[in-house]
PDB file of N, CA and C in Angstrom:
ATOM      1  N   UNK A   1      15.379  17.670   2.800  1.00  0.00           N
ATOM      2  CA  UNK A   1      14.435  17.236   3.801  1.00  0.00           C
ATOM      3  C   UNK A   1      15.194  16.929   5.078  1.00  0.00           C
ATOM      4  N   UNK A   2      14.603  17.284   6.193  1.00  0.00           N
ATOM      5  CA  UNK A   2      15.193  17.043   7.498  1.00  0.00           C
ATOM      6  C   UNK A   2      14.534  15.831   8.153  1.00  0.00           C
ATOM      7  N   UNK A   3      15.340  15.027   8.828  1.00  0.00           N
ATOM      8  CA  UNK A   3      14.846  13.858   9.558  1.00  0.00           C
ATOM      9  C   UNK A   3      15.275  13.992  11.004  1.00  0.00           C
ATOM     10  N   UNK A   4      14.306  13.955  11.920  1.00  0.00           N
ATOM     11  CA  UNK A   4      14.576  14.000  13.354  1.00  0.00           C
ATOM     12  C   UNK A   4      14.284  12.631  13.935  1.00  0.00           C
ATOM     13  N   UNK A   5      15.224  12.084  14.678  1.00  0.00           N
ATOM     14  CA  UNK A   5      15.054  10.790  15.340  1.00  0.00           C
ATOM     15  C   UNK A   5      15.139  11.026  16.844  1.00  0.00           C
ATOM     16  N   UNK A   6      14.027  10.783  17.519  1.00  0.00           N
ATOM     17  CA  UNK A   6      13.957  10.981  18.963  1.00  0.00           C
ATOM     18  C   UNK A   6      14.410   9.703  19.653  1.00  0.00           C
ATOM     19  N   UNK A   7      15.494   9.771  20.395  1.00  0.00           N
ATOM     20  CA  UNK A   7      15.997   8.636  21.174  1.00  0.00           C
ATOM     21  C   UNK A   7      15.541   8.875  22.610  1.00  0.00           C
ATOM     22  N   UNK A   8      14.525   8.143  23.089  1.00  0.00           N
ATOM     23  CA  UNK A   8      13.870   8.517  24.342  1.00  0.00           C
ATOM     24  C   UNK A   8      14.495   7.948  25.616  1.00  0.00           C
ATOM     25  N   UNK A   9      15.798   7.737  25.613  1.00  0.00           N
ATOM     26  CA  UNK A   9      16.424   7.109  26.779  1.00  0.00           C
ATOM     27  C   UNK A   9      17.355   8.081  27.492  1.00  0.00           C
ATOM     28  N   UNK A  10      17.226   8.108  28.814  1.00  0.00           N
ATOM     29  CA  UNK A  10      18.093   8.895  29.688  1.00  0.00           C
ATOM     30  C   UNK A  10      18.401   8.044  30.908  1.00  0.00           C
ATOM     31  N   UNK A  11      19.472   8.390  31.573  1.00  0.00           N
ATOM     32  CA  UNK A  11      19.805   7.679  32.815  1.00  0.00           C
ATOM     33  C   UNK A  11      18.859   8.087  33.933  1.00  0.00           C
ATOM     34  N   UNK A  12      18.387   9.319  33.876  1.00  0.00           N
ATOM     35  CA  UNK A  12      17.436   9.836  34.860  1.00  0.00           C
ATOM     36  C   UNK A  12      16.664  10.977  34.206  1.00  0.00           C
ATOM     37  N   UNK A  13      15.502  11.271  34.722  1.00  0.00           N
ATOM     38  CA  UNK A  13      14.662  12.340  34.184  1.00  0.00           C
ATOM     39  C   UNK A  13      15.034  13.668  34.854  1.00  0.00           C
ATOM     40  N   UNK A  14      15.432  14.638  34.054  1.00  0.00           N
ATOM     41  CA  UNK A  14      15.748  15.972  34.577  1.00  0.00           C
ATOM     42  C   UNK A  14      14.450  16.716  34.878  1.00  0.00           C
ATOM     43  N   UNK A  15      14.428  17.463  35.942  1.00  0.00           N
ATOM     44  CA  UNK A  15      13.219  18.169  36.375  1.00  0.00           C
ATOM     45  C   UNK A  15      12.743  19.184  35.340  1.00  0.00           C
ATOM     46  N   UNK A  16      13.636  19.766  34.563  1.00  0.00           N
ATOM     47  CA  UNK A  16      13.280  20.819  33.612  1.00  0.00           C
ATOM     48  C   UNK A  16      12.866  20.283  32.237  1.00  0.00           C
ATOM     49  N   UNK A  17      13.027  18.988  31.992  1.00  0.00           N
ATOM     50  CA  UNK A  17      12.818  18.435  30.651  1.00  0.00           C
ATOM     51  C   UNK A  17      11.350  18.091  30.404  1.00  0.00           C
ATOM     52  N   UNK A  18      10.828  18.579  29.269  1.00  0.00           N
ATOM     53  CA  UNK A  18       9.450  18.276  28.892  1.00  0.00           C
ATOM     54  C   UNK A  18       9.357  17.188  27.820  1.00  0.00           C
ATOM     55  N   UNK A  19      10.499  16.689  27.350  1.00  0.00           N
ATOM     56  CA  UNK A  19      10.490  15.651  26.320  1.00  0.00           C
ATOM     57  C   UNK A  19      10.223  14.287  26.936  1.00  0.00           C
ATOM     58  N   UNK A  20       9.601  13.415  26.136  1.00  0.00           N
ATOM     59  CA  UNK A  20       9.395  12.054  26.619  1.00  0.00           C
ATOM     60  C   UNK A  20      10.741  11.354  26.724  1.00  0.00           C
ATOM     61  N   UNK A  21      11.000  10.750  27.867  1.00  0.00           N
ATOM     62  CA  UNK A  21      12.194   9.932  28.040  1.00  0.00           C
ATOM     63  C   UNK A  21      11.944   8.893  29.120  1.00  0.00           C
ATOM     64  N   UNK A  22      12.775   7.876  29.115  1.00  0.00           N
ATOM     65  CA  UNK A  22      12.652   6.791  30.073  1.00  0.00           C
ATOM     66  C   UNK A  22      14.041   6.239  30.387  1.00  0.00           C
ATOM     67  N   UNK A  23      14.246   5.734  31.594  1.00  0.00           N
ATOM     68  CA  UNK A  23      15.515   5.098  31.924  1.00  0.00           C
ATOM     69  C   UNK A  23      15.492   3.586  31.630  1.00  0.00           C
ATOM     70  N   UNK A  24      14.452   3.069  31.006  1.00  0.00           N
ATOM     71  CA  UNK A  24      14.252   1.623  30.808  1.00  0.00           C
ATOM     72  C   UNK A  24      15.173   1.073  29.717  1.00  0.00           C
ATOM     73  N   UNK A  25      16.387   0.720  30.090  1.00  0.00           N
ATOM     74  CA  UNK A  25      17.387   0.214  29.151  1.00  0.00           C
ATOM     75  C   UNK A  25      16.921  -1.064  28.448  1.00  0.00           C
ATOM     76  N   UNK A  26      16.057  -1.839  29.100  1.00  0.00           N
ATOM     77  CA  UNK A  26      15.588  -3.094  28.495  1.00  0.00           C
ATOM     78  C   UNK A  26      14.704  -2.850  27.266  1.00  0.00           C
ATOM     79  N   UNK A  27      14.270  -1.628  27.044  1.00  0.00           N
ATOM     80  CA  UNK A  27      13.456  -1.297  25.875  1.00  0.00           C
ATOM     81  C   UNK A  27      14.287  -0.842  24.681  1.00  0.00           C
ATOM     82  N   UNK A  28      15.581  -0.653  24.864  1.00  0.00           N
ATOM     83  CA  UNK A  28      16.420  -0.065  23.815  1.00  0.00           C
ATOM     84  C   UNK A  28      16.457  -0.889  22.534  1.00  0.00           C
ATOM     85  N   UNK A  29      16.657  -2.177  22.650  1.00  0.00           N
ATOM     86  CA  UNK A  29      16.753  -3.010  21.449  1.00  0.00           C
ATOM     87  C   UNK A  29      15.441  -3.012  20.668  1.00  0.00           C
ATOM     88  N   UNK A  30      14.321  -3.138  21.369  1.00  0.00           N
ATOM     89  CA  UNK A  30      13.025  -3.114  20.699  1.00  0.00           C
ATOM     90  C   UNK A  30      12.766  -1.753  20.053  1.00  0.00           C
ATOM     91  N   UNK A  31      13.174  -0.684  20.723  1.00  0.00           N
ATOM     92  CA  UNK A  31      13.001   0.655  20.167  1.00  0.00           C
ATOM     93  C   UNK A  31      13.771   0.807  18.862  1.00  0.00           C
ATOM     94  N   UNK A  32      15.026   0.390  18.857  1.00  0.00           N
ATOM     95  CA  UNK A  32      15.839   0.518  17.647  1.00  0.00           C
ATOM     96  C   UNK A  32      15.228  -0.302  16.513  1.00  0.00           C
ATOM     97  N   UNK A  33      14.773  -1.509  16.809  1.00  0.00           N
ATOM     98  CA  UNK A  33      14.114  -2.320  15.786  1.00  0.00           C
ATOM     99  C   UNK A  33      12.867  -1.651  15.236  1.00  0.00           C
ATOM    100  N   UNK A  34      12.078  -1.047  16.119  1.00  0.00           N
ATOM    101  CA  UNK A  34      10.861  -0.358  15.683  1.00  0.00           C
ATOM    102  C   UNK A  34      11.192   0.892  14.859  1.00  0.00           C
ATOM    103  N   UNK A  35      12.212   1.637  15.258  1.00  0.00           N
ATOM    104  CA  UNK A  35      12.605   2.833  14.513  1.00  0.00           C
ATOM    105  C   UNK A  35      13.099   2.468  13.114  1.00  0.00           C
ATOM    106  N   UNK A  36      13.872   1.396  13.022  1.00  0.00           N
ATOM    107  CA  UNK A  36      14.351   0.933  11.715  1.00  0.00           C
ATOM    108  C   UNK A  36      13.173   0.493  10.852  1.00  0.00           C
ATOM    109  N   UNK A  37      12.235  -0.231  11.441  1.00  0.00           N
ATOM    110  CA  UNK A  37      11.053  -0.672  10.698  1.00  0.00           C
ATOM    111  C   UNK A  37      10.210   0.493  10.222  1.00  0.00           C
ATOM    112  N   UNK A  38      10.018   1.485  11.075  1.00  0.00           N
ATOM    113  CA  UNK A  38       9.222   2.646  10.670  1.00  0.00           C
ATOM    114  C   UNK A  38       9.923   3.426   9.558  1.00  0.00           C
ATOM    115  N   UNK A  39      11.242   3.577   9.653  1.00  0.00           N
ATOM    116  CA  UNK A  39      11.965   4.258   8.587  1.00  0.00           C
ATOM    117  C   UNK A  39      11.796   3.496   7.274  1.00  0.00           C
ATOM    118  N   UNK A  40      11.855   2.175   7.318  1.00  0.00           N
ATOM    119  CA  UNK A  40      11.674   1.372   6.113  1.00  0.00           C
ATOM    120  C   UNK A  40      10.327   1.602   5.459  1.00  0.00           C
ATOM    121  N   UNK A  41       9.294   1.741   6.261  1.00  0.00           N
ATOM    122  CA  UNK A  41       7.955   1.983   5.717  1.00  0.00           C
ATOM    123  C   UNK A  41       7.791   3.414   5.204  1.00  0.00           C
ATOM    124  N   UNK A  42       8.276   4.373   5.936  1.00  0.00           N
ATOM    125  CA  UNK A  42       8.070   5.776   5.566  1.00  0.00           C
ATOM    126  C   UNK A  42       8.996   6.268   4.464  1.00  0.00           C
ATOM    127  N   UNK A  43      10.193   5.726   4.378  1.00  0.00           N
ATOM    128  CA  UNK A  43      11.169   6.242   3.416  1.00  0.00           C
ATOM    129  C   UNK A  43      10.741   6.017   1.970  1.00  0.00           C
ATOM    130  N   UNK A  44       9.961   4.990   1.726  1.00  0.00           N
ATOM    131  CA  UNK A  44       9.525   4.697   0.357  1.00  0.00           C
ATOM    132  C   UNK A  44       8.640   5.803  -0.213  1.00  0.00           C
ATOM    133  N   UNK A  45       7.954   6.545   0.641  1.00  0.00           N
ATOM    134  CA  UNK A  45       7.036   7.577   0.167  1.00  0.00           C
ATOM    135  C   UNK A  45       7.619   8.977   0.121  1.00  0.00           C
ATOM    136  N   UNK A  46       8.905   9.124   0.359  1.00  0.00           N
ATOM    137  CA  UNK A  46       9.497  10.459   0.360  1.00  0.00           C
ATOM    138  C   UNK A  46       9.646  10.999  -1.053  1.00  0.00           C
ATOM    139  N   UNK A  47       9.396  12.294  -1.201  1.00  0.00           N
ATOM    140  CA  UNK A  47       9.511  12.913  -2.523  1.00  0.00           C
ATOM    141  C   UNK A  47      10.868  13.579  -2.740  1.00  0.00           C
ATOM    142  N   UNK A  48      11.671  13.672  -1.686  1.00  0.00           N
ATOM    143  CA  UNK A  48      13.001  14.257  -1.803  1.00  0.00           C
ATOM    144  C   UNK A  48      13.943  13.540  -0.840  1.00  0.00           C
ATOM    145  N   UNK A  49      15.241  13.598  -1.097  1.00  0.00           N
ATOM    146  CA  UNK A  49      16.185  12.894  -0.225  1.00  0.00           C
ATOM    147  C   UNK A  49      16.401  13.630   1.102  1.00  0.00           C
ATOM    148  N   UNK A  50      16.784  12.884   2.096  1.00  0.00           N
ATOM    149  CA  UNK A  50      17.130  13.463   3.394  1.00  0.00           C
ATOM    150  C   UNK A  50      18.506  14.105   3.273  1.00  0.00           C
ATOM    151  N   UNK A  51      18.599  15.382   3.675  1.00  0.00           N
ATOM    152  CA  UNK A  51      19.897  16.054   3.644  1.00  0.00           C
ATOM    153  C   UNK A  51      20.366  16.495   5.028  1.00  0.00           C
ATOM    154  N   UNK A  52      19.478  16.359   6.014  1.00  0.00           N
ATOM    155  CA  UNK A  52      19.822  16.725   7.382  1.00  0.00           C
ATOM    156  C   UNK A  52      19.276  15.664   8.322  1.00  0.00           C
ATOM    157  N   UNK A  53      20.119  15.194   9.224  1.00  0.00           N
ATOM    158  CA  UNK A  53      19.732  14.146  10.176  1.00  0.00           C
ATOM    159  C   UNK A  53      20.012  14.649  11.583  1.00  0.00           C
ATOM    160  N   UNK A  54      18.949  14.740  12.382  1.00  0.00           N
ATOM    161  CA  UNK A  54      19.056  15.195  13.763  1.00  0.00           C
ATOM    162  C   UNK A  54      18.730  14.042  14.700  1.00  0.00           C
ATOM    163  N   UNK A  55      19.520  13.890  15.753  1.00  0.00           N
ATOM    164  CA  UNK A  55      19.199  12.969  16.841  1.00  0.00           C
ATOM    165  C   UNK A  55      18.930  13.808  18.073  1.00  0.00           C
ATOM    166  N   UNK A  56      17.867  13.466  18.783  1.00  0.00           N
ATOM    167  CA  UNK A  56      17.537  14.179  20.005  1.00  0.00           C
ATOM    168  C   UNK A  56      16.940  13.220  21.009  1.00  0.00           C
ATOM    169  N   UNK A  57      16.444  13.771  22.061  1.00  0.00           N
ATOM    170  CA  UNK A  57      15.879  12.870  23.058  1.00  0.00           C
ATOM    171  C   UNK A  57      15.505  13.613  24.310  1.00  0.00           C
ATOM    172  N   UNK A  58      15.665  12.815  25.191  1.00  0.00           N
ATOM    173  CA  UNK A  58      16.525  11.812  25.752  1.00  0.00           C
ATOM    174  C   UNK A  58      18.006  12.172  25.550  1.00  0.00           C
ATOM    175  N   UNK A  59      18.750  11.130  25.678  1.00  0.00           N
ATOM    176  CA  UNK A  59      20.199  11.217  25.521  1.00  0.00           C
ATOM    177  C   UNK A  59      20.626  10.180  24.501  1.00  0.00           C
ATOM    178  N   UNK A  60      20.733  10.542  23.225  1.00  0.00           N
ATOM    179  CA  UNK A  60      21.065   9.563  22.191  1.00  0.00           C
ATOM    180  C   UNK A  60      22.325   8.752  22.484  1.00  0.00           C
ATOM    181  N   UNK A  61      23.299   9.364  23.150  1.00  0.00           N
ATOM    182  CA  UNK A  61      24.537   8.645  23.456  1.00  0.00           C
ATOM    183  C   UNK A  61      24.354   7.590  24.542  1.00  0.00           C
ATOM    184  N   UNK A  62      23.167   7.499  25.129  1.00  0.00           N
ATOM    185  CA  UNK A  62      22.926   6.446  26.115  1.00  0.00           C
ATOM    186  C   UNK A  62      22.660   5.099  25.446  1.00  0.00           C
ATOM    187  N   UNK A  63      22.400   5.093  24.132  1.00  0.00           N
ATOM    188  CA  UNK A  63      22.261   3.815  23.415  1.00  0.00           C
ATOM    189  C   UNK A  63      23.611   3.111  23.382  1.00  0.00           C
ATOM    190  N   UNK A  64      23.638   1.803  23.605  1.00  0.00           N
ATOM    191  CA  UNK A  64      24.890   1.070  23.445  1.00  0.00           C
ATOM    192  C   UNK A  64      25.406   1.223  22.013  1.00  0.00           C
ATOM    193  N   UNK A  65      26.704   1.192  21.849  1.00  0.00           N
ATOM    194  CA  UNK A  65      27.334   1.430  20.546  1.00  0.00           C
ATOM    195  C   UNK A  65      26.776   0.518  19.461  1.00  0.00           C
ATOM    196  N   UNK A  66      26.535  -0.735  19.756  1.00  0.00           N
ATOM    197  CA  UNK A  66      26.023  -1.674  18.750  1.00  0.00           C
ATOM    198  C   UNK A  66      24.634  -1.264  18.267  1.00  0.00           C
ATOM    199  N   UNK A  67      23.770  -0.829  19.166  1.00  0.00           N
ATOM    200  CA  UNK A  67      22.430  -0.391  18.761  1.00  0.00           C
ATOM    201  C   UNK A  67      22.486   0.910  17.968  1.00  0.00           C
ATOM    202  N   UNK A  68      23.344   1.816  18.372  1.00  0.00           N
ATOM    203  CA  UNK A  68      23.503   3.061  17.625  1.00  0.00           C
ATOM    204  C   UNK A  68      24.036   2.768  16.220  1.00  0.00           C
ATOM    205  N   UNK A  69      24.969   1.826  16.109  1.00  0.00           N
ATOM    206  CA  UNK A  69      25.501   1.435  14.801  1.00  0.00           C
ATOM    207  C   UNK A  69      24.390   0.865  13.923  1.00  0.00           C
ATOM    208  N   UNK A  70      23.556  -0.021  14.476  1.00  0.00           N
ATOM    209  CA  UNK A  70      22.445  -0.596  13.703  1.00  0.00           C
ATOM    210  C   UNK A  70      21.506   0.483  13.198  1.00  0.00           C
ATOM    211  N   UNK A  71      21.202   1.433  14.041  1.00  0.00           N
ATOM    212  CA  UNK A  71      20.303   2.517  13.653  1.00  0.00           C
ATOM    213  C   UNK A  71      20.929   3.368  12.553  1.00  0.00           C
ATOM    214  N   UNK A  72      22.184   3.738  12.721  1.00  0.00           N
ATOM    215  CA  UNK A  72      22.856   4.558  11.710  1.00  0.00           C
ATOM    216  C   UNK A  72      22.974   3.842  10.373  1.00  0.00           C
ATOM    217  N   UNK A  73      23.202   2.542  10.394  1.00  0.00           N
ATOM    218  CA  UNK A  73      23.300   1.785   9.135  1.00  0.00           C
ATOM    219  C   UNK A  73      21.977   1.741   8.388  1.00  0.00           C
ATOM    220  N   UNK A  74      20.867   1.862   9.098  1.00  0.00           N
ATOM    221  CA  UNK A  74      19.550   1.794   8.465  1.00  0.00           C
ATOM    222  C   UNK A  74      19.067   3.152   7.961  1.00  0.00           C
ATOM    223  N   UNK A  75      19.611   4.224   8.503  1.00  0.00           N
ATOM    224  CA  UNK A  75      19.162   5.568   8.139  1.00  0.00           C
ATOM    225  C   UNK A  75      20.003   6.129   6.995  1.00  0.00           C
ATOM    226  N   UNK A  76      19.461   7.134   6.302  1.00  0.00           N
ATOM    227  CA  UNK A  76      20.213   7.734   5.197  1.00  0.00           C
ATOM    228  C   UNK A  76      21.344   8.605   5.743  1.00  0.00           C
ATOM    229  N   UNK A  77      22.569   8.193   5.538  1.00  0.00           N
ATOM    230  CA  UNK A  77      23.706   8.966   6.030  1.00  0.00           C
ATOM    231  C   UNK A  77      24.621   9.437   4.895  1.00  0.00           C
ATOM    232  N   UNK A  78      24.297   9.064   3.671  1.00  0.00           N
ATOM    233  CA  UNK A  78      25.091   9.518   2.535  1.00  0.00           C
ATOM    234  C   UNK A  78      24.582  10.873   2.055  1.00  0.00           C
ATOM    235  N   UNK A  79      25.484  11.711   1.632  1.00  0.00           N
ATOM    236  CA  UNK A  79      25.153  13.026   1.059  1.00  0.00           C
ATOM    237  C   UNK A  79      24.410  13.952   2.018  1.00  0.00           C
ATOM    238  N   UNK A  80      24.686  13.822   3.296  1.00  0.00           N
ATOM    239  CA  UNK A  80      24.077  14.729   4.261  1.00  0.00           C
ATOM    240  C   UNK A  80      24.806  16.060   4.259  1.00  0.00           C
ATOM    241  N   UNK A  81      24.049  17.135   4.402  1.00  0.00           N
ATOM    242  CA  UNK A  81      24.644  18.457   4.568  1.00  0.00           C
ATOM    243  C   UNK A  81      24.939  18.700   6.035  1.00  0.00           C
ATOM    244  N   UNK A  82      24.123  18.075   6.904  1.00  0.00           N
ATOM    245  CA  UNK A  82      24.276  18.284   8.336  1.00  0.00           C
ATOM    246  C   UNK A  82      23.799  17.063   9.082  1.00  0.00           C
ATOM    247  N   UNK A  83      24.494  16.742  10.172  1.00  0.00           N
ATOM    248  CA  UNK A  83      24.066  15.683  11.081  1.00  0.00           C
ATOM    249  C   UNK A  83      24.448  16.105  12.492  1.00  0.00           C
ATOM    250  N   UNK A  84      23.504  15.977  13.408  1.00  0.00           N
ATOM    251  CA  UNK A  84      23.780  16.342  14.800  1.00  0.00           C
ATOM    252  C   UNK A  84      23.249  15.266  15.721  1.00  0.00           C
TER     253      UNK A  84
END
């Protein structure tokens, strides 16, 4: 099973980008908390393990290291075939 995590933060909006993104850094902590909470609710109903983890956005690397660490610790990262 593949899991895509949309990180909707960018420093600025590119004219060509159609993805939802925002430069609002003050929303980052709440977003990570909400993403972790949603994963907790949805993961219980999965019928197969996650083997691929994709991060997209936005610019996932715009998250501060501590928030990215919290998110990664909450997501399934063991036994992945692929992570991007």
